[in-house]
PDB file of all heavy atoms in Angstrom:
ATOM      1  N   LEU A   1       0.826  -1.255  -0.049  1.00  0.00           N
ATOM      2  CA  LEU A   1       0.010   0.010   0.002  1.00  0.00           C
ATOM      3  C   LEU A   1       0.827   1.279  -0.003  1.00  0.00           C
ATOM      4  O   LEU A   1       0.572   2.230  -0.717  1.00  0.00           O
ATOM      5  CB  LEU A   1      -0.942   0.043   1.245  1.00  0.00           C
ATOM      6  CG  LEU A   1      -2.043  -1.036   1.166  1.00  0.00           C
ATOM      7  CD1 LEU A   1      -2.859  -0.919   2.509  1.00  0.00           C
ATOM      8  CD2 LEU A   1      -2.984  -0.793  -0.024  1.00  0.00           C
ATOM      9  N   ILE A   2       1.928   1.301   0.795  1.00  0.00           N
ATOM     10  CA  ILE A   2       2.747   2.445   0.954  1.00  0.00           C
ATOM     11  C   ILE A   2       3.476   2.694  -0.319  1.00  0.00           C
ATOM     12  O   ILE A   2       3.702   3.857  -0.793  1.00  0.00           O
ATOM     13  CB  ILE A   2       3.642   2.410   2.155  1.00  0.00           C
ATOM     14  CG1 ILE A   2       4.108   3.836   2.543  1.00  0.00           C
ATOM     15  CG2 ILE A   2       4.872   1.574   1.905  1.00  0.00           C
ATOM     16  CD1 ILE A   2       2.971   4.683   3.095  1.00  0.00           C
ATOM     17  N   ARG A   3       3.917   1.663  -1.003  1.00  0.00           N
ATOM     18  CA  ARG A   3       4.607   1.844  -2.252  1.00  0.00           C
ATOM     19  C   ARG A   3       3.674   2.278  -3.427  1.00  0.00           C
ATOM     20  O   ARG A   3       4.028   3.149  -4.176  1.00  0.00           O
ATOM     21  CB  ARG A   3       5.344   0.504  -2.715  1.00  0.00           C
ATOM     22  CG  ARG A   3       6.557   0.156  -1.797  1.00  0.00           C
ATOM     23  CD  ARG A   3       7.177  -1.152  -2.272  1.00  0.00           C
ATOM     24  NE  ARG A   3       8.191  -1.571  -1.331  1.00  0.00           N
ATOM     25  CZ  ARG A   3       9.553  -1.221  -1.394  1.00  0.00           C
ATOM     26  NH1 ARG A   3       9.830  -0.381  -2.316  1.00  0.00           N
ATOM     27  NH2 ARG A   3      10.335  -1.576  -0.442  1.00  0.00           N
ATOM     28  N   ILE A   4       2.473   1.786  -3.373  1.00  0.00           N
ATOM     29  CA  ILE A   4       1.506   2.217  -4.378  1.00  0.00           C
ATOM     30  C   ILE A   4       1.199   3.714  -4.143  1.00  0.00           C
ATOM     31  O   ILE A   4       1.056   4.509  -5.091  1.00  0.00           O
ATOM     32  CB  ILE A   4       0.278   1.396  -4.318  1.00  0.00           C
ATOM     33  CG1 ILE A   4       0.501  -0.045  -4.820  1.00  0.00           C
ATOM     34  CG2 ILE A   4      -0.946   2.009  -5.015  1.00  0.00           C
ATOM     35  CD1 ILE A   4      -0.635  -0.959  -4.669  1.00  0.00           C
ATOM     36  N   ARG A   5       0.959   4.060  -2.889  1.00  0.00           N
ATOM     37  CA  ARG A   5       0.623   5.490  -2.555  1.00  0.00           C
ATOM     38  C   ARG A   5       1.714   6.395  -3.037  1.00  0.00           C
ATOM     39  O   ARG A   5       1.487   7.432  -3.610  1.00  0.00           O
ATOM     40  CB  ARG A   5       0.387   5.612  -1.003  1.00  0.00           C
ATOM     41  CG  ARG A   5       0.199   7.013  -0.566  1.00  0.00           C
ATOM     42  CD  ARG A   5       0.081   7.084   0.950  1.00  0.00           C
ATOM     43  NE  ARG A   5      -0.049   8.424   1.403  1.00  0.00           N
ATOM     44  CZ  ARG A   5       0.950   9.256   1.631  1.00  0.00           C
ATOM     45  NH1 ARG A   5       2.196   8.904   1.470  1.00  0.00           N
ATOM     46  NH2 ARG A   5       0.688  10.518   2.119  1.00  0.00           N
ATOM     47  N   THR A   6       2.982   5.967  -2.756  1.00  0.00           N
ATOM     48  CA  THR A   6       4.126   6.823  -3.090  1.00  0.00           C
ATOM     49  C   THR A   6       4.153   7.081  -4.659  1.00  0.00           C
ATOM     50  O   THR A   6       4.314   8.186  -5.104  1.00  0.00           O
ATOM     51  CB  THR A   6       5.454   6.185  -2.629  1.00  0.00           C
ATOM     52  OG1 THR A   6       5.414   6.065  -1.234  1.00  0.00           O
ATOM     53  CG2 THR A   6       6.627   7.014  -3.133  1.00  0.00           C
ATOM     54  N   HIS A   7       4.028   6.028  -5.398  1.00  0.00           N
ATOM     55  CA  HIS A   7       4.198   6.162  -6.856  1.00  0.00           C
ATOM     56  C   HIS A   7       2.986   6.744  -7.540  1.00  0.00           C
ATOM     57  O   HIS A   7       3.090   7.391  -8.591  1.00  0.00           O
ATOM     58  CB  HIS A   7       4.535   4.783  -7.486  1.00  0.00           C
ATOM     59  CG  HIS A   7       5.987   4.343  -7.062  1.00  0.00           C
ATOM     60  ND1 HIS A   7       7.070   4.962  -7.415  1.00  0.00           N
ATOM     61  CD2 HIS A   7       6.345   3.283  -6.176  1.00  0.00           C
ATOM     62  CE1 HIS A   7       8.158   4.367  -6.983  1.00  0.00           C
ATOM     63  NE2 HIS A   7       7.679   3.377  -6.209  1.00  0.00           N
ATOM     64  N   LEU A   8       1.816   6.553  -6.939  1.00  0.00           N
ATOM     65  CA  LEU A   8       0.675   7.326  -7.443  1.00  0.00           C
ATOM     66  C   LEU A   8       0.802   8.812  -7.309  1.00  0.00           C
ATOM     67  O   LEU A   8       0.499   9.603  -8.116  1.00  0.00           O
ATOM     68  CB  LEU A   8      -0.619   6.820  -6.825  1.00  0.00           C
ATOM     69  CG  LEU A   8      -1.181   5.491  -7.198  1.00  0.00           C
ATOM     70  CD1 LEU A   8      -2.383   5.069  -6.377  1.00  0.00           C
ATOM     71  CD2 LEU A   8      -1.584   5.466  -8.727  1.00  0.00           C
ATOM     72  N   THR A   9       1.349   9.177  -6.101  1.00  0.00           N
ATOM     73  CA  THR A   9       1.619  10.583  -5.812  1.00  0.00           C
ATOM     74  C   THR A   9       2.612  11.175  -6.737  1.00  0.00           C
ATOM     75  O   THR A   9       2.443  12.267  -7.269  1.00  0.00           O
ATOM     76  CB  THR A   9       2.053  10.743  -4.375  1.00  0.00           C
ATOM     77  OG1 THR A   9       1.078  10.243  -3.477  1.00  0.00           O
ATOM     78  CG2 THR A   9       2.308  12.244  -3.978  1.00  0.00           C
ATOM     79  N   ILE A  10       3.745  10.435  -6.951  1.00  0.00           N
ATOM     80  CA  ILE A  10       4.759  10.868  -7.904  1.00  0.00           C
ATOM     81  C   ILE A  10       4.214  11.033  -9.287  1.00  0.00           C
ATOM     82  O   ILE A  10       4.521  12.051  -9.984  1.00  0.00           O
ATOM     83  CB  ILE A  10       5.947   9.901  -7.827  1.00  0.00           C
ATOM     84  CG1 ILE A  10       6.636   9.964  -6.471  1.00  0.00           C
ATOM     85  CG2 ILE A  10       6.949  10.245  -8.965  1.00  0.00           C
ATOM     86  CD1 ILE A  10       7.746   8.960  -6.302  1.00  0.00           C
ATOM     87  N   ALA A  11       3.429  10.023  -9.720  1.00  0.00           N
ATOM     88  CA  ALA A  11       2.887  10.153 -11.081  1.00  0.00           C
ATOM     89  C   ALA A  11       1.941  11.324 -11.242  1.00  0.00           C
ATOM     90  O   ALA A  11       1.950  12.046 -12.268  1.00  0.00           O
ATOM     91  CB  ALA A  11       2.124   8.870 -11.394  1.00  0.00           C
ATOM     92  N   LYS A  12       1.135  11.588 -10.171  1.00  0.00           N
ATOM     93  CA  LYS A  12       0.227  12.771 -10.258  1.00  0.00           C
ATOM     94  C   LYS A  12       1.016  14.051 -10.381  1.00  0.00           C
ATOM     95  O   LYS A  12       0.634  14.934 -11.120  1.00  0.00           O
ATOM     96  CB  LYS A  12      -0.720  12.725  -9.050  1.00  0.00           C
ATOM     97  CG  LYS A  12      -1.788  13.734  -9.118  1.00  0.00           C
ATOM     98  CD  LYS A  12      -2.737  13.666  -7.928  1.00  0.00           C
ATOM     99  CE  LYS A  12      -3.840  14.710  -7.959  1.00  0.00           C
ATOM    100  NZ  LYS A  12      -4.786  14.594  -6.752  1.00  0.00           N
ATOM    101  N   GLN A  13       1.984  14.187  -9.522  1.00  0.00           N
ATOM    102  CA  GLN A  13       2.821  15.401  -9.456  1.00  0.00           C
ATOM    103  C   GLN A  13       3.489  15.569 -10.821  1.00  0.00           C
ATOM    104  O   GLN A  13       3.660  16.704 -11.336  1.00  0.00           O
ATOM    105  CB  GLN A  13       3.808  15.334  -8.353  1.00  0.00           C
ATOM    106  CG  GLN A  13       3.129  15.444  -6.946  1.00  0.00           C
ATOM    107  CD  GLN A  13       4.210  15.245  -5.874  1.00  0.00           C
ATOM    108  OE1 GLN A  13       5.319  14.747  -6.069  1.00  0.00           O
ATOM    109  NE2 GLN A  13       3.811  15.601  -4.635  1.00  0.00           N
ATOM    110  N   ARG A  14       4.015  14.495 -11.431  1.00  0.00           N
ATOM    111  CA  ARG A  14       4.664  14.563 -12.715  1.00  0.00           C
ATOM    112  C   ARG A  14       3.649  15.100 -13.730  1.00  0.00           C
ATOM    113  O   ARG A  14       4.000  15.903 -14.546  1.00  0.00           O
ATOM    114  CB  ARG A  14       5.174  13.168 -13.112  1.00  0.00           C
ATOM    115  CG  ARG A  14       5.987  13.225 -14.410  1.00  0.00           C
ATOM    116  CD  ARG A  14       6.207  11.811 -14.928  1.00  0.00           C
ATOM    117  NE  ARG A  14       4.944  11.183 -15.311  1.00  0.00           N
ATOM    118  CZ  ARG A  14       4.689   9.883 -15.355  1.00  0.00           C
ATOM    119  NH1 ARG A  14       5.667   9.012 -14.978  1.00  0.00           N
ATOM    120  NH2 ARG A  14       3.512   9.395 -15.691  1.00  0.00           N
ATOM    121  N   GLU A  15       2.417  14.563 -13.720  1.00  0.00           N
ATOM    122  CA  GLU A  15       1.436  15.035 -14.695  1.00  0.00           C
ATOM    123  C   GLU A  15       1.144  16.542 -14.535  1.00  0.00           C
ATOM    124  O   GLU A  15       1.020  17.292 -15.524  1.00  0.00           O
ATOM    125  CB  GLU A  15       0.153  14.196 -14.560  1.00  0.00           C
ATOM    126  CG  GLU A  15       0.206  12.777 -15.005  1.00  0.00           C
ATOM    127  CD  GLU A  15      -1.033  12.003 -14.795  1.00  0.00           C
ATOM    128  OE1 GLU A  15      -1.988  12.651 -14.256  1.00  0.00           O
ATOM    129  OE2 GLU A  15      -1.084  10.888 -15.088  1.00  0.00           O
ATOM    130  N   GLN A  16       1.059  16.963 -13.270  1.00  0.00           N
ATOM    131  CA  GLN A  16       0.802  18.406 -13.011  1.00  0.00           C
ATOM    132  C   GLN A  16       1.972  19.226 -13.548  1.00  0.00           C
ATOM    133  O   GLN A  16       1.745  20.274 -14.154  1.00  0.00           O
ATOM    134  CB  GLN A  16       0.647  18.666 -11.482  1.00  0.00           C
ATOM    135  CG  GLN A  16      -0.667  17.993 -10.960  1.00  0.00           C
ATOM    136  CD  GLN A  16      -0.685  18.172  -9.425  1.00  0.00           C
ATOM    137  OE1 GLN A  16       0.255  18.412  -8.792  1.00  0.00           O
ATOM    138  NE2 GLN A  16      -1.942  17.932  -8.879  1.00  0.00           N
ATOM    139  N   ILE A  17       3.189  18.781 -13.315  1.00  0.00           N
ATOM    140  CA  ILE A  17       4.308  19.543 -13.755  1.00  0.00           C
ATOM    141  C   ILE A  17       4.377  19.606 -15.339  1.00  0.00           C
ATOM    142  O   ILE A  17       4.685  20.672 -15.938  1.00  0.00           O
ATOM    143  CB  ILE A  17       5.602  18.900 -13.281  1.00  0.00           C
ATOM    144  CG1 ILE A  17       5.731  19.078 -11.747  1.00  0.00           C
ATOM    145  CG2 ILE A  17       6.869  19.536 -13.950  1.00  0.00           C
ATOM    146  CD1 ILE A  17       6.897  18.351 -11.121  1.00  0.00           C
ATOM    147  N   GLU A  18       4.075  18.458 -15.969  1.00  0.00           N
ATOM    148  CA  GLU A  18       4.075  18.444 -17.441  1.00  0.00           C
ATOM    149  C   GLU A  18       2.935  19.374 -17.981  1.00  0.00           C
ATOM    150  O   GLU A  18       3.218  20.072 -18.953  1.00  0.00           O
ATOM    151  CB  GLU A  18       3.834  17.003 -17.892  1.00  0.00           C
ATOM    152  CG  GLU A  18       5.018  16.064 -17.669  1.00  0.00           C
ATOM    153  CD  GLU A  18       4.737  14.653 -18.116  1.00  0.00           C
ATOM    154  OE1 GLU A  18       3.581  14.348 -18.391  1.00  0.00           O
ATOM    155  OE2 GLU A  18       5.673  13.876 -18.154  1.00  0.00           O
ATOM    156  N   SER A  19       1.820  19.400 -17.292  1.00  0.00           N
ATOM    157  CA  SER A  19       0.750  20.259 -17.708  1.00  0.00           C
ATOM    158  C   SER A  19       1.169  21.717 -17.581  1.00  0.00           C
ATOM    159  O   SER A  19       0.844  22.539 -18.410  1.00  0.00           O
ATOM    160  CB  SER A  19      -0.536  19.977 -16.921  1.00  0.00           C
ATOM    161  OG  SER A  19      -1.519  20.853 -17.266  1.00  0.00           O
ATOM    162  N   GLN A  20       1.821  22.051 -16.419  1.00  0.00           N
ATOM    163  CA  GLN A  20       2.224  23.412 -16.167  1.00  0.00           C
ATOM    164  C   GLN A  20       3.260  23.823 -17.196  1.00  0.00           C
ATOM    165  O   GLN A  20       3.296  25.015 -17.676  1.00  0.00           O
ATOM    166  CB  GLN A  20       2.774  23.511 -14.809  1.00  0.00           C
ATOM    167  CG  GLN A  20       1.734  23.405 -13.685  1.00  0.00           C
ATOM    168  CD  GLN A  20       2.355  23.359 -12.328  1.00  0.00           C
ATOM    169  OE1 GLN A  20       3.550  23.269 -12.140  1.00  0.00           O
ATOM    170  NE2 GLN A  20       1.541  23.427 -11.278  1.00  0.00           N
ATOM    171  N   ASN A  21       4.173  22.922 -17.540  1.00  0.00           N
ATOM    172  CA  ASN A  21       5.182  23.184 -18.606  1.00  0.00           C
ATOM    173  C   ASN A  21       4.558  23.470 -19.967  1.00  0.00           C
ATOM    174  O   ASN A  21       4.960  24.318 -20.660  1.00  0.00           O
ATOM    175  CB  ASN A  21       6.156  22.002 -18.717  1.00  0.00           C
ATOM    176  CG  ASN A  21       7.136  21.950 -17.534  1.00  0.00           C
ATOM    177  OD1 ASN A  21       7.358  22.914 -16.829  1.00  0.00           O
ATOM    178  ND2 ASN A  21       7.665  20.790 -17.261  1.00  0.00           N
ATOM    179  N   LEU A  22       3.554  22.643 -20.320  1.00  0.00           N
ATOM    180  CA  LEU A  22       2.827  22.891 -21.526  1.00  0.00           C
ATOM    181  C   LEU A  22       2.145  24.289 -21.583  1.00  0.00           C
ATOM    182  O   LEU A  22       2.210  25.005 -22.573  1.00  0.00           O
ATOM    183  CB  LEU A  22       1.816  21.808 -21.801  1.00  0.00           C
ATOM    184  CG  LEU A  22       2.384  20.418 -22.159  1.00  0.00           C
ATOM    185  CD1 LEU A  22       1.201  19.400 -22.230  1.00  0.00           C
ATOM    186  CD2 LEU A  22       3.134  20.468 -23.458  1.00  0.00           C
ATOM    187  N   ASN A  23       1.537  24.600 -20.456  1.00  0.00           N
ATOM    188  CA  ASN A  23       0.875  25.899 -20.368  1.00  0.00           C
ATOM    189  C   ASN A  23       1.884  27.093 -20.441  1.00  0.00           C
ATOM    190  O   ASN A  23       1.634  28.060 -21.048  1.00  0.00           O
ATOM    191  CB  ASN A  23       0.098  26.012 -19.037  1.00  0.00           C
ATOM    192  CG  ASN A  23      -1.130  25.094 -19.007  1.00  0.00           C
ATOM    193  OD1 ASN A  23      -1.646  24.676 -20.046  1.00  0.00           O
ATOM    194  ND2 ASN A  23      -1.555  24.723 -17.838  1.00  0.00           N
ATOM    195  N   LEU A  24       3.022  26.794 -19.775  1.00  0.00           N
ATOM    196  CA  LEU A  24       4.131  27.810 -19.739  1.00  0.00           C
ATOM    197  C   LEU A  24       4.665  28.006 -21.200  1.00  0.00           C
ATOM    198  O   LEU A  24       4.920  29.110 -21.659  1.00  0.00           O
ATOM    199  CB  LEU A  24       5.258  27.420 -18.831  1.00  0.00           C
ATOM    200  CG  LEU A  24       6.381  28.388 -18.697  1.00  0.00           C
ATOM    201  CD1 LEU A  24       5.930  29.792 -18.207  1.00  0.00           C
ATOM    202  CD2 LEU A  24       7.439  27.872 -17.777  1.00  0.00           C
ATOM    203  N   GLN A  25       4.893  26.864 -21.922  1.00  0.00           N
ATOM    204  CA  GLN A  25       5.381  27.013 -23.240  1.00  0.00           C
ATOM    205  C   GLN A  25       4.388  27.671 -24.168  1.00  0.00           C
ATOM    206  O   GLN A  25       4.786  28.477 -25.038  1.00  0.00           O
ATOM    207  CB  GLN A  25       5.710  25.574 -23.790  1.00  0.00           C
ATOM    208  CG  GLN A  25       6.898  24.887 -23.079  1.00  0.00           C
ATOM    209  CD  GLN A  25       7.065  23.433 -23.569  1.00  0.00           C
ATOM    210  OE1 GLN A  25       6.292  22.973 -24.428  1.00  0.00           O
ATOM    211  NE2 GLN A  25       8.032  22.792 -22.886  1.00  0.00           N
ATOM    212  N   SER A  26       3.143  27.377 -23.961  1.00  0.00           N
ATOM    213  CA  SER A  26       2.094  28.094 -24.776  1.00  0.00           C
ATOM    214  C   SER A  26       2.073  29.589 -24.461  1.00  0.00           C
ATOM    215  O   SER A  26       1.929  30.392 -25.367  1.00  0.00           O
ATOM    216  CB  SER A  26       0.711  27.465 -24.449  1.00  0.00           C
ATOM    217  OG  SER A  26      -0.278  28.134 -25.112  1.00  0.00           O
ATOM    218  N   GLU A  27       2.228  29.931 -23.150  1.00  0.00           N
ATOM    219  CA  GLU A  27       2.238  31.310 -22.788  1.00  0.00           C
ATOM    220  C   GLU A  27       3.423  32.085 -23.401  1.00  0.00           C
ATOM    221  O   GLU A  27       3.332  33.164 -23.844  1.00  0.00           O
ATOM    222  CB  GLU A  27       2.209  31.448 -21.297  1.00  0.00           C
ATOM    223  CG  GLU A  27       2.164  32.872 -20.737  1.00  0.00           C
ATOM    224  CD  GLU A  27       2.160  32.946 -19.271  1.00  0.00           C
ATOM    225  OE1 GLU A  27       1.915  31.899 -18.634  1.00  0.00           O
ATOM    226  OE2 GLU A  27       2.348  34.064 -18.747  1.00  0.00           O
ATOM    227  N   ILE A  28       4.627  31.359 -23.383  1.00  0.00           N
ATOM    228  CA  ILE A  28       5.810  31.989 -23.904  1.00  0.00           C
ATOM    229  C   ILE A  28       5.683  32.194 -25.409  1.00  0.00           C
ATOM    230  O   ILE A  28       6.018  33.242 -25.921  1.00  0.00           O
ATOM    231  CB  ILE A  28       7.041  31.019 -23.649  1.00  0.00           C
ATOM    232  CG1 ILE A  28       7.347  31.055 -22.139  1.00  0.00           C
ATOM    233  CG2 ILE A  28       8.243  31.520 -24.430  1.00  0.00           C
ATOM    234  CD1 ILE A  28       8.393  30.078 -21.782  1.00  0.00           C
ATOM    235  N   SER A  29       5.058  31.204 -26.084  1.00  0.00           N
ATOM    236  CA  SER A  29       4.837  31.374 -27.517  1.00  0.00           C
ATOM    237  C   SER A  29       3.884  32.503 -27.850  1.00  0.00           C
ATOM    238  O   SER A  29       4.115  33.333 -28.777  1.00  0.00           O
ATOM    239  CB  SER A  29       4.257  30.053 -28.121  1.00  0.00           C
ATOM    240  OG  SER A  29       5.206  29.009 -27.997  1.00  0.00           O
ATOM    241  N   ASP A  30       2.835  32.615 -26.979  1.00  0.00           N
ATOM    242  CA  ASP A  30       1.926  33.712 -27.184  1.00  0.00           C
ATOM    243  C   ASP A  30       2.563  35.042 -26.989  1.00  0.00           C
ATOM    244  O   ASP A  30       2.281  36.045 -27.704  1.00  0.00           O
ATOM    245  CB  ASP A  30       0.700  33.533 -26.274  1.00  0.00           C
ATOM    246  CG  ASP A  30      -0.173  32.350 -26.626  1.00  0.00           C
ATOM    247  OD1 ASP A  30      -0.112  31.863 -27.723  1.00  0.00           O
ATOM    248  OD2 ASP A  30      -0.943  31.902 -25.718  1.00  0.00           O
ATOM    249  N   ARG A  31       3.441  35.115 -26.008  1.00  0.00           N
ATOM    250  CA  ARG A  31       4.067  36.359 -25.699  1.00  0.00           C
ATOM    251  C   ARG A  31       5.035  36.732 -26.833  1.00  0.00           C
ATOM    252  O   ARG A  31       5.199  37.937 -27.140  1.00  0.00           O
ATOM    253  CB  ARG A  31       4.788  36.278 -24.389  1.00  0.00           C
ATOM    254  CG  ARG A  31       3.928  36.285 -23.156  1.00  0.00           C
ATOM    255  CD  ARG A  31       4.681  36.418 -21.878  1.00  0.00           C
ATOM    256  NE  ARG A  31       3.862  36.460 -20.698  1.00  0.00           N
ATOM    257  CZ  ARG A  31       4.275  36.602 -19.496  1.00  0.00           C
ATOM    258  NH1 ARG A  31       5.560  36.777 -19.225  1.00  0.00           N
ATOM    259  NH2 ARG A  31       3.450  36.718 -18.440  1.00  0.00           N
ATOM    260  N   LYS A  32       5.735  35.712 -27.311  1.00  0.00           N
ATOM    261  CA  LYS A  32       6.705  36.095 -28.446  1.00  0.00           C
ATOM    262  C   LYS A  32       5.941  36.587 -29.649  1.00  0.00           C
ATOM    263  O   LYS A  32       6.314  37.507 -30.277  1.00  0.00           O
ATOM    264  CB  LYS A  32       7.436  34.760 -28.799  1.00  0.00           C
ATOM    265  CG  LYS A  32       8.476  34.373 -27.821  1.00  0.00           C
ATOM    266  CD  LYS A  32       9.293  33.150 -28.201  1.00  0.00           C
ATOM    267  CE  LYS A  32      10.387  32.838 -27.235  1.00  0.00           C
ATOM    268  NZ  LYS A  32      11.154  31.595 -27.666  1.00  0.00           N
ATOM    269  N   ARG A  33       4.773  35.941 -29.940  1.00  0.00           N
ATOM    270  CA  ARG A  33       3.969  36.438 -31.076  1.00  0.00           C
ATOM    271  C   ARG A  33       3.460  37.862 -30.825  1.00  0.00           C
ATOM    272  O   ARG A  33       3.483  38.672 -31.717  1.00  0.00           O
ATOM    273  CB  ARG A  33       2.808  35.436 -31.320  1.00  0.00           C
ATOM    274  CG  ARG A  33       3.213  34.160 -31.947  1.00  0.00           C
ATOM    275  CD  ARG A  33       1.964  33.438 -32.480  1.00  0.00           C
ATOM    276  NE  ARG A  33       1.084  32.958 -31.356  1.00  0.00           N
ATOM    277  CZ  ARG A  33       1.271  31.769 -30.777  1.00  0.00           C
ATOM    278  NH1 ARG A  33       2.196  30.917 -31.173  1.00  0.00           N
ATOM    279  NH2 ARG A  33       0.435  31.434 -29.763  1.00  0.00           N
TER     280      ARG A  33
END
């Protein structure tokens, strides 16, 4: 259970970071334009 909890948390945080990076890249592109 504790290993599952740990890796589910890591996976969720990774998805959030990837989503934030995509939003940031989109914002940077919009600002450049």
